[in-house]
Each structure stands twice: as structure tokens, then as C-alpha cells.
Amino acid sequence: MELSKLTLEIFSKLEHKWLSHCKPNHKTRILSIDGGGTTAIVAGQALIHLEDQIRLRTSDPQAQLADFFDIVAGTGIGAILAAMITAGDAFGRPMYTAREAVRLVSERNSELYKFKSGGVFRRRRKISSRSMDNVLKQLFQRKEDGRLLTLKDTCKPLLIPCFDLKSSAPFVFSRADASESPSFDFELWKSTCSTPSVVDIVLDGVSETIDQMLGNAFCWNRTDYVRIQAFGLGSKAMRKEEVLKERGLESLPFGGKRLLTETNGNRIDSFVQRLVATAKPSPPSSPCKDSAVNSLANGR
């Protein structure tokens, strides 16, 4: 309990310091990418469509997701995608587009999640940490100088929650923490490999609870919150094509659910229209005095 109170106090102070120069009417734009197993089919297709629509709306073929969101968070394989689209190159621009990130994760999925047998009777499947580490190091190595990227090298604030097995307490890899203390400036590949989604989901109660809470919070302005989730999709080959065509599901107050007439693709299109129309300069980035990341003007 004391550790939780201390963590809350630290994050409260960091949040206050980071947002102290923000205008009261500024809306913080958050992109959260769930794990979704080991394939990230749903998240991947949603991210690609989101970035394509942003480029179409802005008539800017170089626009990327990091340009239009203030904070990016992710868990499991979603953490890998979140880190890839925010990892900065030597010029302070994102190293990967959404399409490039999804393609690389898909192509190297068998290496990222290479299973091996374990246990007394070798019935328990384990992920080969060596194989995953090698792939992640390659993904988060800067091409210009070959340096392994750290949390301070991201273009936008990045959050990756995980669970500390030693203290039995939640822990968050954060660029804000990295800027405050070098001891928290973890290498990106280490941050993303800490939350692999290798357990089959039996009951998705946590995400439903969170979705209900967020749905209630945005009940007066539902256009500010969009959740993309797939239900009952068929074969893997079909899923990629059907993700955006599937009808969306909306959370209602008091735990209710409603099947929408809009598809997931339609919802993303509407959200992008609002996102681009209300695009403003991002909040001041976390103070990274020693970082090579340059300040981006007008959210770019």
C-alpha cells in the first residue's frame, strides 16, 4: 500500500510539472494500443487505416500517427507497436510509419514469439527470450549510428505498463520518468519485452470494466472516445479484411452495450475528421535535456 501511495505521488508531481504550461482548453490526444494476443491483427489494421486517413485528410503523405497524438500507450505486442511508431530517428522524426511497423511485426512474429517446451514433462510452452531480444534489439536500433534507442529517444511521451514480479506492484515505463532520472531511461527493447501476451484470454473482464468507465466518462461527448475491438471473427486470412468492416460496439452507462450501425472503419474515419479539425500544438514534451530528440512544432 505504501509503495502504491508513493507511486501515485510521484506520477502526480510529474503530471503537474509536465502539464503546467498547457492551456486549460487543450485536449490531450491519447492513443492506446492493446495487446490482442500475439498477432495484433486488429490493432495493426486499425493503426494503418488511421494513419492512411490522416494523410488523406491533411493531404500530407508524410504525416504519421505521432504527429497527431500527445501520448501513446501500449501493452503486450501493442507496446511494441506503440514504441515503434514513437521511436525517433536522428532528426527527431518517427522511425516507422504505422504500415512499416505492422509489416515488420507481422513478418518477424514467429521470431518474436518463438515457443519452446518447458517443465518436467515439457508440456508447458515458453517463449524463447533470446529470440525475442534479438528481434527487438534490431527493431529499436538507430540506423544512422547503430545506437540502441532508450525511452528518451521517443518523439512523443510513451507509456508501457507492466507488473513487477518482485514487489507485486504495477510499474510503468515512461519517458517522463526517464527525463527525470537516468536510472529510469530504459532501452526501448527492454521496455517492450517486459509485457508479452502469451496467455490465452478466458475472460476479458478488465478491458470491459475500463471500457465501461471510459464510456461513462465520455457519455456526453462520445466522439472523443473511440474503441476498436473485434468480435467473433473467422479465419486469420479473413480477419485482416473484416476488421474494419465489422460493426462497432459502444459502451453505455451502467454497463450496457449497443451494437452500432457504423463499422470500425467508419468510426475511425469520423474520428480522424475530428482529430484533424481540432489539431493543435502538442503539450510541451517531457524535459529531456540530454536527449537528441528535437522539439516538434505544431504537433509535427
Protein backbone atom coordinates (compact mmCIF):
# COMPACT_ATOMS: atom_id res chain seq x y z
CA MET A 1 0.00 0.00 0.00
CA GLU A 2 2.81 2.41 0.89
CA LEU A 3 4.50 1.67 -2.43
CA SER A 4 1.25 2.42 -4.28
CA LYS A 5 0.87 5.74 -2.45
CA LEU A 6 4.45 6.68 -3.28
CA THR A 7 3.96 5.76 -6.94
CA LEU A 8 0.78 7.85 -7.11
CA GLU A 9 2.53 10.82 -5.52
CA ILE A 10 5.46 10.61 -7.94
CA PHE A 11 3.23 10.39 -11.01
CA SER A 12 1.01 13.23 -9.74
CA LYS A 13 4.03 15.52 -9.42
CA LEU A 14 5.35 14.52 -12.83
CA GLU A 15 1.94 15.09 -14.41
CA HIS A 16 1.62 18.52 -12.79
CA LYS A 17 5.09 19.52 -13.96
CA TRP A 18 4.54 18.25 -17.49
CA LEU A 19 1.13 19.89 -17.94
CA SER A 20 1.90 23.12 -16.05
CA HIS A 21 2.38 25.08 -19.29
CA CYS A 22 -0.61 23.64 -21.14
CA LYS A 23 -3.61 25.77 -21.96
CA PRO A 24 -6.73 24.82 -19.96
CA ASN A 25 -8.79 24.29 -23.12
CA HIS A 26 -6.27 22.00 -24.77
CA LYS A 27 -7.41 18.44 -25.28
CA THR A 28 -4.82 15.74 -24.70
CA ARG A 29 -4.91 13.19 -27.50
CA ILE A 30 -4.19 9.64 -26.34
CA LEU A 31 -3.57 6.57 -28.49
CA SER A 32 -3.76 3.31 -26.53
CA ILE A 33 -2.85 0.03 -28.23
CA ASP A 34 -3.91 -3.20 -26.54
CA GLY A 35 -2.01 -6.46 -26.81
CA GLY A 36 -4.66 -8.58 -28.51
CA GLY A 37 -2.72 -11.85 -28.36
CA THR A 38 0.49 -12.29 -30.34
CA THR A 39 -0.66 -11.24 -33.82
CA ALA A 40 -2.06 -7.71 -33.28
CA ILE A 41 -4.25 -8.12 -36.36
CA VAL A 42 -7.00 -5.83 -35.07
CA ALA A 43 -4.66 -3.15 -33.72
CA GLY A 44 -2.46 -3.32 -36.80
CA GLN A 45 -5.25 -2.84 -39.32
CA ALA A 46 -6.78 -0.05 -37.23
CA LEU A 47 -3.45 1.80 -36.99
CA ILE A 48 -2.78 1.51 -40.73
CA HIS A 49 -6.26 2.79 -41.60
CA LEU A 50 -5.96 5.58 -39.03
CA GLU A 51 -2.68 6.84 -40.48
CA ASP A 52 -3.91 6.49 -44.07
CA GLN A 53 -6.99 8.57 -43.27
CA ILE A 54 -4.90 11.23 -41.52
CA ARG A 55 -2.73 11.55 -44.62
CA LEU A 56 -5.80 11.73 -46.82
CA ARG A 57 -7.46 14.42 -44.69
CA THR A 58 -4.33 16.54 -44.36
CA SER A 59 -3.08 15.96 -47.93
CA ASP A 60 0.28 15.24 -46.33
CA PRO A 61 1.83 11.93 -47.47
CA GLN A 62 4.49 12.24 -44.74
CA ALA A 63 2.08 12.62 -41.81
CA GLN A 64 2.46 9.99 -39.10
CA LEU A 65 0.50 8.97 -36.02
CA ALA A 66 2.99 10.55 -33.63
CA ASP A 67 2.21 13.93 -35.21
CA PHE A 68 -1.41 13.85 -34.06
CA PHE A 69 -1.26 12.26 -30.61
CA ASP A 70 0.21 13.66 -27.40
CA ILE A 71 0.61 10.36 -25.54
CA VAL A 72 0.97 6.81 -26.88
CA ALA A 73 0.50 3.78 -24.62
CA GLY A 74 0.60 0.05 -25.24
CA THR A 75 0.61 -3.38 -23.65
CA GLY A 76 1.90 -6.71 -24.93
CA ILE A 77 2.52 -6.64 -28.66
CA GLY A 78 0.69 -3.30 -28.60
CA ALA A 79 3.64 -1.94 -26.60
CA ILE A 80 5.97 -2.95 -29.41
CA LEU A 81 3.81 -1.13 -31.97
CA ALA A 82 3.50 1.92 -29.68
CA ALA A 83 7.27 2.11 -29.24
CA MET A 84 7.91 1.65 -32.96
CA ILE A 85 5.64 4.49 -34.09
CA THR A 86 7.14 6.88 -31.49
CA ALA A 87 10.83 5.85 -31.69
CA GLY A 88 12.74 8.80 -33.08
CA ASP A 89 15.46 8.84 -35.70
CA ALA A 90 18.49 11.15 -35.67
CA PHE A 91 16.30 14.00 -36.95
CA GLY A 92 13.58 13.69 -34.32
CA ARG A 93 11.07 12.08 -36.67
CA PRO A 94 9.39 8.67 -36.12
CA MET A 95 11.49 5.79 -37.46
CA TYR A 96 8.48 3.78 -38.60
CA THR A 97 5.14 4.53 -40.19
CA ALA A 98 2.18 2.50 -38.96
CA ARG A 99 2.29 0.33 -42.08
CA GLU A 100 6.03 -0.33 -41.70
CA ALA A 101 5.66 -1.18 -38.01
CA VAL A 102 2.79 -3.60 -38.61
CA ARG A 103 4.58 -5.21 -41.55
CA LEU A 104 7.77 -5.81 -39.58
CA VAL A 105 5.91 -7.19 -36.56
CA SER A 106 3.93 -9.49 -38.85
CA GLU A 107 6.98 -10.68 -40.80
CA ARG A 108 9.01 -11.39 -37.66
CA ASN A 109 6.16 -12.63 -35.50
CA SER A 110 7.47 -16.19 -35.44
CA GLU A 111 10.81 -14.90 -34.14
CA LEU A 112 9.24 -12.58 -31.59
CA TYR A 113 7.07 -15.32 -30.16
CA LYS A 114 9.18 -18.42 -30.69
CA PHE A 115 7.79 -21.07 -28.36
CA LYS A 116 9.76 -23.83 -26.73
CA SER A 117 8.70 -26.66 -24.43
CA GLY A 118 9.41 -26.46 -20.70
CA GLY A 119 8.58 -28.08 -17.39
CA VAL A 120 9.21 -31.61 -16.12
CA PHE A 121 7.23 -33.29 -18.89
CA ARG A 122 7.96 -30.50 -21.39
CA ARG A 123 4.26 -29.77 -21.69
CA ARG A 124 4.46 -26.11 -20.75
CA ARG A 125 5.15 -23.68 -23.58
CA LYS A 126 7.59 -20.85 -23.03
CA ILE A 127 8.73 -18.00 -25.20
CA SER A 128 12.36 -18.00 -26.26
CA SER A 129 13.63 -14.82 -24.66
CA ARG A 130 16.83 -14.93 -26.71
CA SER A 131 14.93 -14.89 -30.00
CA MET A 132 12.62 -12.08 -28.86
CA ASP A 133 15.51 -9.99 -27.52
CA ASN A 134 17.45 -10.27 -30.78
CA VAL A 135 14.49 -9.11 -32.87
CA LEU A 136 13.62 -6.21 -30.56
CA LYS A 137 17.23 -5.01 -30.48
CA GLN A 138 17.22 -4.88 -34.28
CA LEU A 139 13.89 -3.03 -34.40
CA PHE A 140 14.99 -0.39 -31.89
CA GLN A 141 18.49 0.23 -33.20
CA ARG A 142 19.01 3.59 -34.84
CA LYS A 143 20.11 3.14 -38.44
CA GLU A 144 22.22 6.31 -38.56
CA ASP A 145 24.63 5.42 -35.75
CA GLY A 146 23.66 1.88 -34.68
CA ARG A 147 22.78 3.03 -31.15
CA LEU A 148 20.08 1.22 -29.18
CA LEU A 149 17.23 3.64 -28.50
CA THR A 150 16.02 4.47 -24.99
CA LEU A 151 12.79 5.95 -23.64
CA LYS A 152 14.21 9.47 -24.02
CA ASP A 153 14.60 8.89 -27.76
CA THR A 154 10.86 8.79 -28.42
CA CYS A 155 9.17 11.59 -30.36
CA LYS A 156 6.18 11.67 -28.03
CA PRO A 157 5.57 10.58 -24.42
CA LEU A 158 5.36 6.78 -24.26
CA LEU A 159 3.72 4.70 -21.52
CA ILE A 160 4.16 0.92 -21.16
CA PRO A 161 2.57 -0.60 -18.03
CA CYS A 162 3.78 -3.90 -16.65
CA PHE A 163 3.79 -5.90 -13.42
CA ASP A 164 6.81 -6.09 -11.11
CA LEU A 165 7.11 -9.72 -10.04
CA LYS A 166 9.45 -8.90 -7.15
CA SER A 167 7.37 -6.19 -5.48
CA SER A 168 3.95 -7.42 -6.73
CA ALA A 169 3.21 -3.85 -7.76
CA PRO A 170 2.39 -2.20 -11.09
CA PHE A 171 5.19 -0.40 -12.90
CA VAL A 172 5.08 1.95 -15.86
CA PHE A 173 7.90 2.54 -18.31
CA SER A 174 7.60 6.25 -19.05
CA ARG A 175 9.55 8.89 -20.93
CA ALA A 176 8.61 11.37 -18.21
CA ASP A 177 10.42 9.23 -15.64
CA ALA A 178 13.36 8.76 -18.00
CA SER A 179 13.79 12.51 -18.31
CA GLU A 180 13.82 12.92 -14.53
CA SER A 181 16.31 10.18 -13.73
CA PRO A 182 18.86 8.32 -15.88
CA SER A 183 18.11 5.17 -13.89
CA PHE A 184 14.63 5.11 -15.48
CA ASP A 185 15.88 5.68 -19.02
CA PHE A 186 15.47 2.06 -20.06
CA GLU A 187 16.32 0.82 -23.52
CA LEU A 188 13.18 0.51 -25.64
CA TRP A 189 13.70 -3.15 -26.43
CA LYS A 190 13.82 -3.98 -22.72
CA SER A 191 10.69 -1.94 -22.03
CA THR A 192 8.68 -3.69 -24.73
CA CYS A 193 9.81 -7.24 -23.98
CA SER A 194 8.51 -6.98 -20.39
CA THR A 195 4.86 -7.41 -21.36
CA PRO A 196 4.44 -10.32 -23.81
CA SER A 197 0.85 -11.53 -24.27
CA VAL A 198 1.26 -15.29 -24.36
CA VAL A 199 -1.69 -16.44 -22.25
CA ASP A 200 -4.98 -17.27 -23.94
CA ILE A 201 -7.70 -14.89 -22.76
CA VAL A 202 -10.51 -16.70 -20.95
CA LEU A 203 -12.49 -13.71 -19.67
CA ASP A 204 -11.79 -10.16 -20.77
CA GLY A 205 -13.30 -8.57 -17.68
CA VAL A 206 -10.63 -5.94 -17.12
CA SER A 207 -10.91 -4.33 -20.55
CA GLU A 208 -14.71 -4.39 -20.32
CA THR A 209 -14.55 -2.61 -16.96
CA ILE A 210 -12.16 0.02 -18.29
CA ASP A 211 -14.26 0.47 -21.42
CA GLN A 212 -17.35 0.99 -19.28
CA MET A 213 -15.58 3.60 -17.14
CA LEU A 214 -14.30 5.48 -20.19
CA GLY A 215 -17.67 5.16 -21.88
CA ASN A 216 -19.32 6.75 -18.84
CA ALA A 217 -16.68 9.49 -18.71
CA PHE A 218 -17.30 10.40 -22.36
CA CYS A 219 -21.05 9.78 -22.35
CA TRP A 220 -21.73 13.48 -23.01
CA ASN A 221 -19.31 13.64 -25.92
CA ARG A 222 -18.92 10.17 -27.39
CA THR A 223 -16.99 11.38 -30.42
CA ASP A 224 -13.95 11.99 -28.19
CA TYR A 225 -13.61 8.29 -27.36
CA VAL A 226 -13.37 5.51 -29.93
CA ARG A 227 -12.62 1.89 -29.06
CA ILE A 228 -11.90 -0.60 -31.84
CA GLN A 229 -12.39 -4.23 -30.87
CA ALA A 230 -13.16 -7.30 -32.97
CA PHE A 231 -15.76 -9.91 -32.03
CA GLY A 232 -16.17 -13.42 -33.41
CA LEU A 233 -14.05 -13.06 -36.50
CA GLY A 234 -13.31 -16.07 -38.66
CA SER A 235 -10.08 -17.40 -40.03
CA LYS A 236 -6.83 -15.46 -39.82
CA ALA A 237 -6.91 -14.75 -43.54
CA MET A 238 -10.40 -13.29 -43.23
CA ARG A 239 -9.73 -11.28 -40.09
CA LYS A 240 -7.39 -8.83 -41.78
CA GLU A 241 -10.05 -7.94 -44.34
CA GLU A 242 -13.02 -7.97 -41.99
CA VAL A 243 -11.63 -5.96 -39.05
CA LEU A 244 -12.63 -2.59 -40.50
CA LYS A 245 -15.92 -3.90 -41.95
CA GLU A 246 -17.20 -5.22 -38.64
CA ARG A 247 -19.85 -3.17 -36.83
CA GLY A 248 -18.61 -1.29 -33.78
CA LEU A 249 -19.74 -1.80 -30.20
CA GLU A 250 -20.40 1.11 -27.86
CA SER A 251 -20.38 1.12 -24.06
CA LEU A 252 -23.38 2.67 -22.34
CA PRO A 253 -23.82 3.95 -18.77
CA PHE A 254 -24.48 1.30 -16.08
CA GLY A 255 -22.72 -1.44 -18.03
CA GLY A 256 -24.90 -1.53 -21.12
CA LYS A 257 -23.71 -2.29 -24.65
CA ARG A 258 -25.03 -1.22 -28.02
CA LEU A 259 -24.18 -2.56 -31.47
CA LEU A 260 -23.63 0.39 -33.78
CA THR A 261 -24.67 0.77 -37.38
CA GLU A 262 -21.21 2.18 -38.16
CA THR A 263 -18.35 -0.15 -38.95
CA ASN A 264 -14.96 0.12 -37.26
CA GLY A 265 -13.64 1.73 -40.43
CA ASN A 266 -16.43 4.32 -40.41
CA ARG A 267 -15.74 5.15 -36.77
CA ILE A 268 -12.05 5.70 -37.48
CA ASP A 269 -12.92 7.94 -40.45
CA SER A 270 -15.20 10.10 -38.30
CA PHE A 271 -12.62 10.26 -35.54
CA VAL A 272 -9.88 11.35 -37.94
CA GLN A 273 -12.07 14.13 -39.27
CA ARG A 274 -12.49 15.46 -35.74
CA LEU A 275 -8.84 14.82 -34.86
CA VAL A 276 -7.54 16.80 -37.82
CA ALA A 277 -10.07 19.60 -37.36
CA THR A 278 -9.11 20.12 -33.72
CA ALA A 279 -5.38 19.52 -34.16
CA LYS A 280 -3.37 21.97 -32.10
CA PRO A 281 0.24 22.14 -30.95
CA SER A 282 1.03 19.27 -28.62
CA PRO A 283 1.68 19.81 -24.89
CA PRO A 284 5.31 20.53 -24.03
CA SER A 285 7.34 17.35 -24.26
CA SER A 286 8.94 15.87 -21.18
CA PRO A 287 12.16 17.73 -20.35
CA CYS A 288 14.91 15.67 -21.97
CA LYS A 289 17.98 17.86 -21.61
CA ASP A 290 20.37 15.18 -22.78
CA SER A 291 18.07 13.76 -25.44
CA ALA A 292 18.82 14.01 -29.14
CA VAL A 293 15.10 14.43 -29.85
CA ASN A 294 14.26 17.87 -31.23
CA SER A 295 11.14 19.80 -30.32
CA LEU A 296 8.39 19.31 -32.88
CA ALA A 297 6.38 22.35 -33.85
CA ASN A 298 2.63 22.31 -34.44
CA GLY A 299 2.37 18.67 -33.44
CA ARG A 300 4.88 17.67 -36.16
